[in-house]
Amino acid sequence: KMSSTQSVLEEDLSSYPGWGLDGASLHAKIPAHSWCITLQDFRFLRQQIEKAVKEGAIMQVPLNPVTGHGDEFDFRDKTIGPSMYNVVNSFIKPLTRNAGDMSWAL
């Protein structure tokens, strides 16, 4: 069964030019000062996050009464969305793992 993160992505893998490359090899070859994203990349990421929220790959996380941690963002709010912690754990980590274990910036 395809995960919700995969369904968000697999419609257009051409938008991810590094998809399927070996992340460990890329991290070894490309110096850290070259890892970056452009403004265009950032806008693309924002679109993908909105899509992931809409399709259920990124969901609210109930507040833990003991720790106070959670992410009860408003799905309709296009200004303040899910926390970066939630986005990284729910979307970016699974995406980059499926893509070959490289960072988003690679």
PDB file of N, CA and C in Angstrom:
ATOM      1  N   LYS A   1       0.838  -1.194   0.000  1.00  0.00           N
ATOM      2  CA  LYS A   1       0.000   0.000   0.000  1.00  0.00           C
ATOM      3  C   LYS A   1       0.877   1.249   0.000  1.00  0.00           C
ATOM      4  N   MET A   2       0.501   2.238  -0.783  1.00  0.00           N
ATOM      5  CA  MET A   2       1.271   3.473  -0.914  1.00  0.00           C
ATOM      6  C   MET A   2       0.960   4.400   0.247  1.00  0.00           C
ATOM      7  N   SER A   3       1.998   4.978   0.856  1.00  0.00           N
ATOM      8  CA  SER A   3       1.788   5.924   1.949  1.00  0.00           C
ATOM      9  C   SER A   3       1.247   7.230   1.398  1.00  0.00           C
ATOM     10  N   SER A   4       0.656   8.048   2.280  1.00  0.00           N
ATOM     11  CA  SER A   4       0.118   9.327   1.818  1.00  0.00           C
ATOM     12  C   SER A   4       1.231  10.241   1.318  1.00  0.00           C
ATOM     13  N   THR A   5       2.437  10.118   1.893  1.00  0.00           N
ATOM     14  CA  THR A   5       3.561  10.913   1.400  1.00  0.00           C
ATOM     15  C   THR A   5       3.908  10.495  -0.023  1.00  0.00           C
ATOM     16  N   GLN A   6       3.931   9.205  -0.287  1.00  0.00           N
ATOM     17  CA  GLN A   6       4.240   8.726  -1.628  1.00  0.00           C
ATOM     18  C   GLN A   6       3.198   9.194  -2.634  1.00  0.00           C
ATOM     19  N   SER A   7       1.918   9.161  -2.255  1.00  0.00           N
ATOM     20  CA  SER A   7       0.887   9.566  -3.195  1.00  0.00           C
ATOM     21  C   SER A   7       1.003  11.040  -3.543  1.00  0.00           C
ATOM     22  N   VAL A   8       1.445  11.862  -2.584  1.00  0.00           N
ATOM     23  CA  VAL A   8       1.637  13.285  -2.859  1.00  0.00           C
ATOM     24  C   VAL A   8       2.736  13.460  -3.896  1.00  0.00           C
ATOM     25  N   LEU A   9       3.762  12.626  -3.825  1.00  0.00           N
ATOM     26  CA  LEU A   9       4.939  12.795  -4.651  1.00  0.00           C
ATOM     27  C   LEU A   9       4.882  12.123  -6.002  1.00  0.00           C
ATOM     28  N   GLU A  10       4.374  10.933  -6.051  1.00  0.00           N
ATOM     29  CA  GLU A  10       4.586  10.100  -7.217  1.00  0.00           C
ATOM     30  C   GLU A  10       3.834  10.557  -8.447  1.00  0.00           C
ATOM     31  N   GLU A  11       2.987  11.540  -8.308  1.00  0.00           N
ATOM     32  CA  GLU A  11       2.307  12.043  -9.491  1.00  0.00           C
ATOM     33  C   GLU A  11       3.271  12.790 -10.409  1.00  0.00           C
ATOM     34  N   ASP A  12       4.376  13.321  -9.854  1.00  0.00           N
ATOM     35  CA  ASP A  12       5.297  14.112 -10.666  1.00  0.00           C
ATOM     36  C   ASP A  12       6.717  14.015 -10.138  1.00  0.00           C
ATOM     37  N   LEU A  13       7.344  12.865 -10.308  1.00  0.00           N
ATOM     38  CA  LEU A  13       8.708  12.695  -9.826  1.00  0.00           C
ATOM     39  C   LEU A  13       9.693  13.577 -10.588  1.00  0.00           C
ATOM     40  N   SER A  14       9.315  14.070 -11.761  1.00  0.00           N
ATOM     41  CA  SER A  14      10.214  14.951 -12.509  1.00  0.00           C
ATOM     42  C   SER A  14      10.461  16.264 -11.765  1.00  0.00           C
ATOM     43  N   SER A  15       9.601  16.593 -10.801  1.00  0.00           N
ATOM     44  CA  SER A  15       9.812  17.792  -9.988  1.00  0.00           C
ATOM     45  C   SER A  15      10.919  17.590  -8.968  1.00  0.00           C
ATOM     46  N   TYR A  16      11.365  16.341  -8.806  1.00  0.00           N
ATOM     47  CA  TYR A  16      12.408  15.991  -7.852  1.00  0.00           C
ATOM     48  C   TYR A  16      13.593  15.416  -8.637  1.00  0.00           C
ATOM     49  N   PRO A  17      14.470  16.283  -9.156  1.00  0.00           N
ATOM     50  CA  PRO A  17      15.526  15.807 -10.061  1.00  0.00           C
ATOM     51  C   PRO A  17      16.519  14.836  -9.439  1.00  0.00           C
ATOM     52  N   GLY A  18      16.651  14.798  -8.126  1.00  0.00           N
ATOM     53  CA  GLY A  18      17.595  13.883  -7.495  1.00  0.00           C
ATOM     54  C   GLY A  18      16.971  12.567  -7.066  1.00  0.00           C
ATOM     55  N   TRP A  19      15.692  12.362  -7.387  1.00  0.00           N
ATOM     56  CA  TRP A  19      14.976  11.188  -6.925  1.00  0.00           C
ATOM     57  C   TRP A  19      15.684   9.901  -7.352  1.00  0.00           C
ATOM     58  N   GLY A  20      15.909   9.024  -6.395  1.00  0.00           N
ATOM     59  CA  GLY A  20      16.498   7.732  -6.695  1.00  0.00           C
ATOM     60  C   GLY A  20      18.016   7.699  -6.639  1.00  0.00           C
ATOM     61  N   LEU A  21      18.656   8.854  -6.461  1.00  0.00           N
ATOM     62  CA  LEU A  21      20.112   8.870  -6.347  1.00  0.00           C
ATOM     63  C   LEU A  21      20.519   8.432  -4.943  1.00  0.00           C
ATOM     64  N   ASP A  22      21.755   8.055  -4.783  1.00  0.00           N
ATOM     65  CA  ASP A  22      22.261   7.584  -3.494  1.00  0.00           C
ATOM     66  C   ASP A  22      22.629   8.773  -2.608  1.00  0.00           C
ATOM     67  N   GLY A  23      21.837   8.987  -1.555  1.00  0.00           N
ATOM     68  CA  GLY A  23      22.049  10.123  -0.662  1.00  0.00           C
ATOM     69  C   GLY A  23      23.402  10.119   0.011  1.00  0.00           C
ATOM     70  N   ALA A  24      23.856   8.964   0.480  1.00  0.00           N
ATOM     71  CA  ALA A  24      25.160   8.882   1.156  1.00  0.00           C
ATOM     72  C   ALA A  24      26.275   9.286   0.203  1.00  0.00           C
ATOM     73  N   SER A  25      26.183   8.842  -1.021  1.00  0.00           N
ATOM     74  CA  SER A  25      27.186   9.195  -2.025  1.00  0.00           C
ATOM     75  C   SER A  25      27.161  10.698  -2.327  1.00  0.00           C
ATOM     76  N   LEU A  26      25.959  11.249  -2.459  1.00  0.00           N
ATOM     77  CA  LEU A  26      25.837  12.690  -2.719  1.00  0.00           C
ATOM     78  C   LEU A  26      26.411  13.513  -1.568  1.00  0.00           C
ATOM     79  N   HIS A  27      26.091  13.123  -0.338  1.00  0.00           N
ATOM     80  CA  HIS A  27      26.610  13.856   0.815  1.00  0.00           C
ATOM     81  C   HIS A  27      28.134  13.783   0.878  1.00  0.00           C
ATOM     82  N   ALA A  28      28.708  12.683   0.429  1.00  0.00           N
ATOM     83  CA  ALA A  28      30.171  12.536   0.433  1.00  0.00           C
ATOM     84  C   ALA A  28      30.826  13.355  -0.674  1.00  0.00           C
ATOM     85  N   LYS A  29      30.156  13.486  -1.814  1.00  0.00           N
ATOM     86  CA  LYS A  29      30.745  14.157  -2.982  1.00  0.00           C
ATOM     87  C   LYS A  29      30.530  15.669  -2.995  1.00  0.00           C
ATOM     88  N   ILE A  30      29.358  16.102  -2.519  1.00  0.00           N
ATOM     89  CA  ILE A  30      28.995  17.511  -2.637  1.00  0.00           C
ATOM     90  C   ILE A  30      29.313  18.208  -1.319  1.00  0.00           C
ATOM     91  N   PRO A  31      30.181  19.232  -1.347  1.00  0.00           N
ATOM     92  CA  PRO A  31      30.539  19.914  -0.099  1.00  0.00           C
ATOM     93  C   PRO A  31      29.323  20.611   0.535  1.00  0.00           C
ATOM     94  N   ALA A  32      29.322  20.671   1.853  1.00  0.00           N
ATOM     95  CA  ALA A  32      28.186  21.215   2.594  1.00  0.00           C
ATOM     96  C   ALA A  32      27.837  22.640   2.164  1.00  0.00           C
ATOM     97  N   HIS A  33      28.825  23.441   1.773  1.00  0.00           N
ATOM     98  CA  HIS A  33      28.512  24.818   1.377  1.00  0.00           C
ATOM     99  C   HIS A  33      27.708  24.864   0.077  1.00  0.00           C
ATOM    100  N   SER A  34      27.577  23.743  -0.598  1.00  0.00           N
ATOM    101  CA  SER A  34      26.790  23.683  -1.836  1.00  0.00           C
ATOM    102  C   SER A  34      25.378  23.154  -1.605  1.00  0.00           C
ATOM    103  N   TRP A  35      25.066  22.735  -0.383  1.00  0.00           N
ATOM    104  CA  TRP A  35      23.716  22.274  -0.084  1.00  0.00           C
ATOM    105  C   TRP A  35      22.855  23.517   0.135  1.00  0.00           C
ATOM    106  N   CYS A  36      21.851  23.679  -0.661  1.00  0.00           N
ATOM    107  CA  CYS A  36      21.022  24.882  -0.530  1.00  0.00           C
ATOM    108  C   CYS A  36      19.690  24.670  -1.234  1.00  0.00           C
ATOM    109  N   ILE A  37      18.788  25.608  -1.010  1.00  0.00           N
ATOM    110  CA  ILE A  37      17.562  25.663  -1.790  1.00  0.00           C
ATOM    111  C   ILE A  37      17.403  27.089  -2.302  1.00  0.00           C
ATOM    112  N   THR A  38      16.793  27.204  -3.457  1.00  0.00           N
ATOM    113  CA  THR A  38      16.526  28.510  -4.046  1.00  0.00           C
ATOM    114  C   THR A  38      15.157  28.995  -3.576  1.00  0.00           C
ATOM    115  N   LEU A  39      14.837  30.228  -3.876  1.00  0.00           N
ATOM    116  CA  LEU A  39      13.508  30.748  -3.565  1.00  0.00           C
ATOM    117  C   LEU A  39      12.454  29.908  -4.290  1.00  0.00           C
ATOM    118  N   GLN A  40      12.741  29.534  -5.509  1.00  0.00           N
ATOM    119  CA  GLN A  40      11.824  28.683  -6.279  1.00  0.00           C
ATOM    120  C   GLN A  40      11.627  27.329  -5.567  1.00  0.00           C
ATOM    121  N   ASP A  41      12.725  26.753  -5.057  1.00  0.00           N
ATOM    122  CA  ASP A  41      12.640  25.500  -4.306  1.00  0.00           C
ATOM    123  C   ASP A  41      11.775  25.672  -3.062  1.00  0.00           C
ATOM    124  N   PHE A  42      11.948  26.800  -2.371  1.00  0.00           N
ATOM    125  CA  PHE A  42      11.184  27.061  -1.153  1.00  0.00           C
ATOM    126  C   PHE A  42       9.698  27.186  -1.465  1.00  0.00           C
ATOM    127  N   ARG A  43       9.367  27.871  -2.546  1.00  0.00           N
ATOM    128  CA  ARG A  43       7.960  28.010  -2.953  1.00  0.00           C
ATOM    129  C   ARG A  43       7.371  26.645  -3.314  1.00  0.00           C
ATOM    130  N   PHE A  44       8.175  25.826  -3.987  1.00  0.00           N
ATOM    131  CA  PHE A  44       7.746  24.471  -4.332  1.00  0.00           C
ATOM    132  C   PHE A  44       7.482  23.665  -3.055  1.00  0.00           C
ATOM    133  N   LEU A  45       8.382  23.764  -2.079  1.00  0.00           N
ATOM    134  CA  LEU A  45       8.209  23.065  -0.812  1.00  0.00           C
ATOM    135  C   LEU A  45       6.903  23.493  -0.148  1.00  0.00           C
ATOM    136  N   ARG A  46       6.648  24.780  -0.130  1.00  0.00           N
ATOM    137  CA  ARG A  46       5.400  25.277   0.478  1.00  0.00           C
ATOM    138  C   ARG A  46       4.176  24.681  -0.217  1.00  0.00           C
ATOM    139  N   GLN A  47       4.198  24.623  -1.543  1.00  0.00           N
ATOM    140  CA  GLN A  47       3.090  24.011  -2.290  1.00  0.00           C
ATOM    141  C   GLN A  47       2.929  22.533  -1.917  1.00  0.00           C
ATOM    142  N   GLN A  48       4.051  21.841  -1.800  1.00  0.00           N
ATOM    143  CA  GLN A  48       4.005  20.424  -1.458  1.00  0.00           C
ATOM    144  C   GLN A  48       3.492  20.212  -0.032  1.00  0.00           C
ATOM    145  N   ILE A  49       3.853  21.110   0.883  1.00  0.00           N
ATOM    146  CA  ILE A  49       3.348  21.018   2.254  1.00  0.00           C
ATOM    147  C   ILE A  49       1.839  21.226   2.272  1.00  0.00           C
ATOM    148  N   GLU A  50       1.357  22.233   1.551  1.00  0.00           N
ATOM    149  CA  GLU A  50      -0.084  22.473   1.486  1.00  0.00           C
ATOM    150  C   GLU A  50      -0.807  21.252   0.932  1.00  0.00           C
ATOM    151  N   LYS A  51      -0.237  20.661  -0.103  1.00  0.00           N
ATOM    152  CA  LYS A  51      -0.820  19.471  -0.718  1.00  0.00           C
ATOM    153  C   LYS A  51      -0.795  18.298   0.266  1.00  0.00           C
ATOM    154  N   ALA A  52       0.310  18.140   0.994  1.00  0.00           N
ATOM    155  CA  ALA A  52       0.432  17.046   1.962  1.00  0.00           C
ATOM    156  C   ALA A  52      -0.580  17.201   3.094  1.00  0.00           C
ATOM    157  N   VAL A  53      -0.834  18.430   3.526  1.00  0.00           N
ATOM    158  CA  VAL A  53      -1.853  18.673   4.553  1.00  0.00           C
ATOM    159  C   VAL A  53      -3.221  18.293   3.999  1.00  0.00           C
ATOM    160  N   LYS A  54      -3.507  18.748   2.803  1.00  0.00           N
ATOM    161  CA  LYS A  54      -4.806  18.482   2.168  1.00  0.00           C
ATOM    162  C   LYS A  54      -5.051  16.983   1.998  1.00  0.00           C
ATOM    163  N   GLU A  55      -3.989  16.225   1.669  1.00  0.00           N
ATOM    164  CA  GLU A  55      -4.136  14.795   1.390  1.00  0.00           C
ATOM    165  C   GLU A  55      -3.879  13.914   2.614  1.00  0.00           C
ATOM    166  N   GLY A  56      -3.602  14.535   3.778  1.00  0.00           N
ATOM    167  CA  GLY A  56      -3.477  13.772   5.007  1.00  0.00           C
ATOM    168  C   GLY A  56      -2.104  13.219   5.322  1.00  0.00           C
ATOM    169  N   ALA A  57      -1.074  13.608   4.561  1.00  0.00           N
ATOM    170  CA  ALA A  57       0.291  13.167   4.882  1.00  0.00           C
ATOM    171  C   ALA A  57       0.826  13.926   6.093  1.00  0.00           C
ATOM    172  N   ILE A  58       0.362  15.150   6.272  1.00  0.00           N
ATOM    173  CA  ILE A  58       0.698  15.949   7.462  1.00  0.00           C
ATOM    174  C   ILE A  58      -0.612  16.216   8.186  1.00  0.00           C
ATOM    175  N   MET A  59      -0.669  15.755   9.428  1.00  0.00           N
ATOM    176  CA  MET A  59      -1.909  15.883  10.191  1.00  0.00           C
ATOM    177  C   MET A  59      -1.645  16.570  11.527  1.00  0.00           C
ATOM    178  N   GLN A  60      -2.725  16.994  12.157  1.00  0.00           N
ATOM    179  CA  GLN A  60      -2.608  17.573  13.494  1.00  0.00           C
ATOM    180  C   GLN A  60      -2.073  16.520  14.453  1.00  0.00           C
ATOM    181  N   VAL A  61      -1.301  16.974  15.428  1.00  0.00           N
ATOM    182  CA  VAL A  61      -0.788  16.108  16.492  1.00  0.00           C
ATOM    183  C   VAL A  61      -1.387  16.639  17.793  1.00  0.00           C
ATOM    184  N   PRO A  62      -2.226  15.835  18.470  1.00  0.00           N
ATOM    185  CA  PRO A  62      -2.849  16.309  19.715  1.00  0.00           C
ATOM    186  C   PRO A  62      -1.798  16.713  20.747  1.00  0.00           C
ATOM    187  N   LEU A  63      -2.108  17.731  21.514  1.00  0.00           N
ATOM    188  CA  LEU A  63      -1.196  18.175  22.569  1.00  0.00           C
ATOM    189  C   LEU A  63      -1.086  17.115  23.651  1.00  0.00           C
ATOM    190  N   ASN A  64       0.130  16.811  24.031  1.00  0.00           N
ATOM    191  CA  ASN A  64       0.393  15.882  25.123  1.00  0.00           C
ATOM    192  C   ASN A  64       0.201  16.658  26.428  1.00  0.00           C
ATOM    193  N   PRO A  65      -0.696  16.216  27.305  1.00  0.00           N
ATOM    194  CA  PRO A  65      -0.959  16.971  28.528  1.00  0.00           C
ATOM    195  C   PRO A  65       0.232  17.045  29.480  1.00  0.00           C
ATOM    196  N   VAL A  66       1.144  16.125  29.366  1.00  0.00           N
ATOM    197  CA  VAL A  66       2.309  16.121  30.247  1.00  0.00           C
ATOM    198  C   VAL A  66       3.409  17.027  29.711  1.00  0.00           C
ATOM    199  N   THR A  67       3.746  16.865  28.429  1.00  0.00           N
ATOM    200  CA  THR A  67       4.866  17.623  27.862  1.00  0.00           C
ATOM    201  C   THR A  67       4.427  18.934  27.221  1.00  0.00           C
ATOM    202  N   GLY A  68       3.160  19.012  26.829  1.00  0.00           N
ATOM    203  CA  GLY A  68       2.689  20.207  26.129  1.00  0.00           C
ATOM    204  C   GLY A  68       3.051  20.208  24.657  1.00  0.00           C
ATOM    205  N   HIS A  69       3.694  19.140  24.186  1.00  0.00           N
ATOM    206  CA  HIS A  69       4.089  19.055  22.777  1.00  0.00           C
ATOM    207  C   HIS A  69       2.924  18.572  21.928  1.00  0.00           C
ATOM    208  N   GLY A  70       2.853  19.079  20.751  1.00  0.00           N
ATOM    209  CA  GLY A  70       1.819  18.699  19.799  1.00  0.00           C
ATOM    210  C   GLY A  70       1.750  19.758  18.713  1.00  0.00           C
ATOM    211  N   ASP A  71       0.831  19.585  17.806  1.00  0.00           N
ATOM    212  CA  ASP A  71       0.685  20.547  16.707  1.00  0.00           C
ATOM    213  C   ASP A  71      -0.765  20.538  16.252  1.00  0.00           C
ATOM    214  N   GLU A  72      -1.557  21.388  16.855  1.00  0.00           N
ATOM    215  CA  GLU A  72      -2.978  21.464  16.530  1.00  0.00           C
ATOM    216  C   GLU A  72      -3.244  22.631  15.585  1.00  0.00           C
ATOM    217  N   PHE A  73      -2.506  22.651  14.476  1.00  0.00           N
ATOM    218  CA  PHE A  73      -2.654  23.741  13.505  1.00  0.00           C
ATOM    219  C   PHE A  73      -4.032  23.705  12.858  1.00  0.00           C
ATOM    220  N   ASP A  74      -4.447  24.848  12.339  1.00  0.00           N
ATOM    221  CA  ASP A  74      -5.729  24.976  11.647  1.00  0.00           C
ATOM    222  C   ASP A  74      -5.503  24.661  10.168  1.00  0.00           C
ATOM    223  N   PHE A  75      -6.157  23.631   9.674  1.00  0.00           N
ATOM    224  CA  PHE A  75      -6.002  23.207   8.279  1.00  0.00           C
ATOM    225  C   PHE A  75      -6.331  24.314   7.277  1.00  0.00           C
ATOM    226  N   ARG A  76      -7.201  25.231   7.670  1.00  0.00           N
ATOM    227  CA  ARG A  76      -7.645  26.298   6.764  1.00  0.00           C
ATOM    228  C   ARG A  76      -6.712  27.502   6.746  1.00  0.00           C
ATOM    229  N   ASP A  77      -5.827  27.598   7.734  1.00  0.00           N
ATOM    230  CA  ASP A  77      -4.947  28.760   7.867  1.00  0.00           C
ATOM    231  C   ASP A  77      -3.764  28.621   6.911  1.00  0.00           C
ATOM    232  N   LYS A  78      -3.707  29.472   5.907  1.00  0.00           N
ATOM    233  CA  LYS A  78      -2.633  29.421   4.907  1.00  0.00           C
ATOM    234  C   LYS A  78      -1.425  30.267   5.309  1.00  0.00           C
ATOM    235  N   THR A  79      -1.508  30.942   6.467  1.00  0.00           N
ATOM    236  CA  THR A  79      -0.398  31.763   6.947  1.00  0.00           C
ATOM    237  C   THR A  79       0.423  31.019   7.995  1.00  0.00           C
ATOM    238  N   ILE A  80      -0.270  30.423   8.963  1.00  0.00           N
ATOM    239  CA  ILE A  80       0.400  29.661  10.013  1.00  0.00           C
ATOM    240  C   ILE A  80      -0.072  28.221   9.879  1.00  0.00           C
ATOM    241  N   GLY A  81       0.791  27.399   9.372  1.00  0.00           N
ATOM    242  CA  GLY A  81       0.410  26.010   9.137  1.00  0.00           C
ATOM    243  C   GLY A  81       1.006  25.093  10.165  1.00  0.00           C
ATOM    244  N   PRO A  82       1.295  23.869   9.771  1.00  0.00           N
ATOM    245  CA  PRO A  82       1.885  22.920  10.707  1.00  0.00           C
ATOM    246  C   PRO A  82       3.279  23.377  11.138  1.00  0.00           C
ATOM    247  N   SER A  83       3.696  22.913  12.312  1.00  0.00           N
ATOM    248  CA  SER A  83       5.029  23.270  12.799  1.00  0.00           C
ATOM    249  C   SER A  83       6.092  22.613  11.924  1.00  0.00           C
ATOM    250  N   MET A  84       7.283  23.179  11.925  1.00  0.00           N
ATOM    251  CA  MET A  84       8.375  22.584  11.152  1.00  0.00           C
ATOM    252  C   MET A  84       8.722  21.200  11.689  1.00  0.00           C
ATOM    253  N   TYR A  85       8.606  21.011  12.987  1.00  0.00           N
ATOM    254  CA  TYR A  85       8.848  19.691  13.574  1.00  0.00           C
ATOM    255  C   TYR A  85       7.908  18.663  12.944  1.00  0.00           C
ATOM    256  N   ASN A  86       6.634  19.014  12.844  1.00  0.00           N
ATOM    257  CA  ASN A  86       5.636  18.136  12.248  1.00  0.00           C
ATOM    258  C   ASN A  86       5.930  17.922  10.761  1.00  0.00           C
ATOM    259  N   VAL A  87       6.234  18.984  10.033  1.00  0.00           N
ATOM    260  CA  VAL A  87       6.530  18.883   8.600  1.00  0.00           C
ATOM    261  C   VAL A  87       7.734  17.979   8.355  1.00  0.00           C
ATOM    262  N   VAL A  88       8.782  18.166   9.140  1.00  0.00           N
ATOM    263  CA  VAL A  88      10.000  17.355   8.960  1.00  0.00           C
ATOM    264  C   VAL A  88       9.714  15.887   9.244  1.00  0.00           C
ATOM    265  N   ASN A  89       9.055  15.595  10.368  1.00  0.00           N
ATOM    266  CA  ASN A  89       8.811  14.195  10.733  1.00  0.00           C
ATOM    267  C   ASN A  89       7.753  13.518   9.874  1.00  0.00           C
ATOM    268  N   SER A  90       6.722  14.252   9.484  1.00  0.00           N
ATOM    269  CA  SER A  90       5.613  13.650   8.736  1.00  0.00           C
ATOM    270  C   SER A  90       5.827  13.647   7.238  1.00  0.00           C
ATOM    271  N   PHE A  91       6.632  14.571   6.742  1.00  0.00           N
ATOM    272  CA  PHE A  91       6.724  14.740   5.289  1.00  0.00           C
ATOM    273  C   PHE A  91       8.153  14.659   4.756  1.00  0.00           C
ATOM    274  N   ILE A  92       9.044  15.516   5.256  1.00  0.00           N
ATOM    275  CA  ILE A  92      10.387  15.591   4.669  1.00  0.00           C
ATOM    276  C   ILE A  92      11.202  14.327   4.924  1.00  0.00           C
ATOM    277  N   LYS A  93      11.190  13.810   6.144  1.00  0.00           N
ATOM    278  CA  LYS A  93      11.960  12.586   6.419  1.00  0.00           C
ATOM    279  C   LYS A  93      11.474  11.401   5.585  1.00  0.00           C
ATOM    280  N   PRO A  94      10.163  11.120   5.533  1.00  0.00           N
ATOM    281  CA  PRO A  94       9.723  10.005   4.685  1.00  0.00           C
ATOM    282  C   PRO A  94      10.032  10.242   3.203  1.00  0.00           C
ATOM    283  N   LEU A  95       9.845  11.476   2.750  1.00  0.00           N
ATOM    284  CA  LEU A  95      10.109  11.802   1.350  1.00  0.00           C
ATOM    285  C   LEU A  95      11.579  11.571   0.998  1.00  0.00           C
ATOM    286  N   THR A  96      12.475  12.120   1.797  1.00  0.00           N
ATOM    287  CA  THR A  96      13.899  12.001   1.476  1.00  0.00           C
ATOM    288  C   THR A  96      14.388  10.568   1.660  1.00  0.00           C
ATOM    289  N   ARG A  97      13.799   9.830   2.595  1.00  0.00           N
ATOM    290  CA  ARG A  97      14.150   8.406   2.759  1.00  0.00           C
ATOM    291  C   ARG A  97      13.771   7.646   1.484  1.00  0.00           C
ATOM    292  N   ASN A  98      12.561   7.886   0.969  1.00  0.00           N
ATOM    293  CA  ASN A  98      12.105   7.217  -0.252  1.00  0.00           C
ATOM    294  C   ASN A  98      12.904   7.641  -1.477  1.00  0.00           C
ATOM    295  N   ALA A  99      13.418   8.857  -1.441  1.00  0.00           N
ATOM    296  CA  ALA A  99      14.145   9.393  -2.598  1.00  0.00           C
ATOM    297  C   ALA A  99      15.586   8.910  -2.677  1.00  0.00           C
ATOM    298  N   GLY A 100      16.128   8.345  -1.594  1.00  0.00           N
ATOM    299  CA  GLY A 100      17.501   7.883  -1.612  1.00  0.00           C
ATOM    300  C   GLY A 100      18.311   8.305  -0.397  1.00  0.00           C
ATOM    301  N   ASP A 101      17.634   8.848   0.610  1.00  0.00           N
ATOM    302  CA  ASP A 101      18.265   9.247   1.871  1.00  0.00           C
ATOM    303  C   ASP A 101      19.176  10.458   1.765  1.00  0.00           C
ATOM    304  N   MET A 102      18.843  11.391   0.901  1.00  0.00           N
ATOM    305  CA  MET A 102      19.592  12.648   0.893  1.00  0.00           C
ATOM    306  C   MET A 102      18.781  13.713   1.608  1.00  0.00           C
ATOM    307  N   SER A 103      19.411  14.818   1.930  1.00  0.00           N
ATOM    308  CA  SER A 103      18.697  15.916   2.560  1.00  0.00           C
ATOM    309  C   SER A 103      17.820  16.626   1.524  1.00  0.00           C
ATOM    310  N   TRP A 104      16.878  17.436   2.005  1.00  0.00           N
ATOM    311  CA  TRP A 104      16.025  18.195   1.083  1.00  0.00           C
ATOM    312  C   TRP A 104      16.889  19.125   0.236  1.00  0.00           C
ATOM    313  N   ALA A 105      17.927  19.684   0.809  1.00  0.00           N
ATOM    314  CA  ALA A 105      18.783  20.648   0.102  1.00  0.00           C
ATOM    315  C   ALA A 105      19.598  20.005  -1.012  1.00  0.00           C
ATOM    316  N   LEU A 106      19.733  18.685  -1.005  1.00  0.00           N
ATOM    317  CA  LEU A 106      20.428  18.010  -2.100  1.00  0.00           C
ATOM    318  C   LEU A 106      19.425  17.554  -3.113  1.00  0.00           C
TER     319      LEU A 106
END
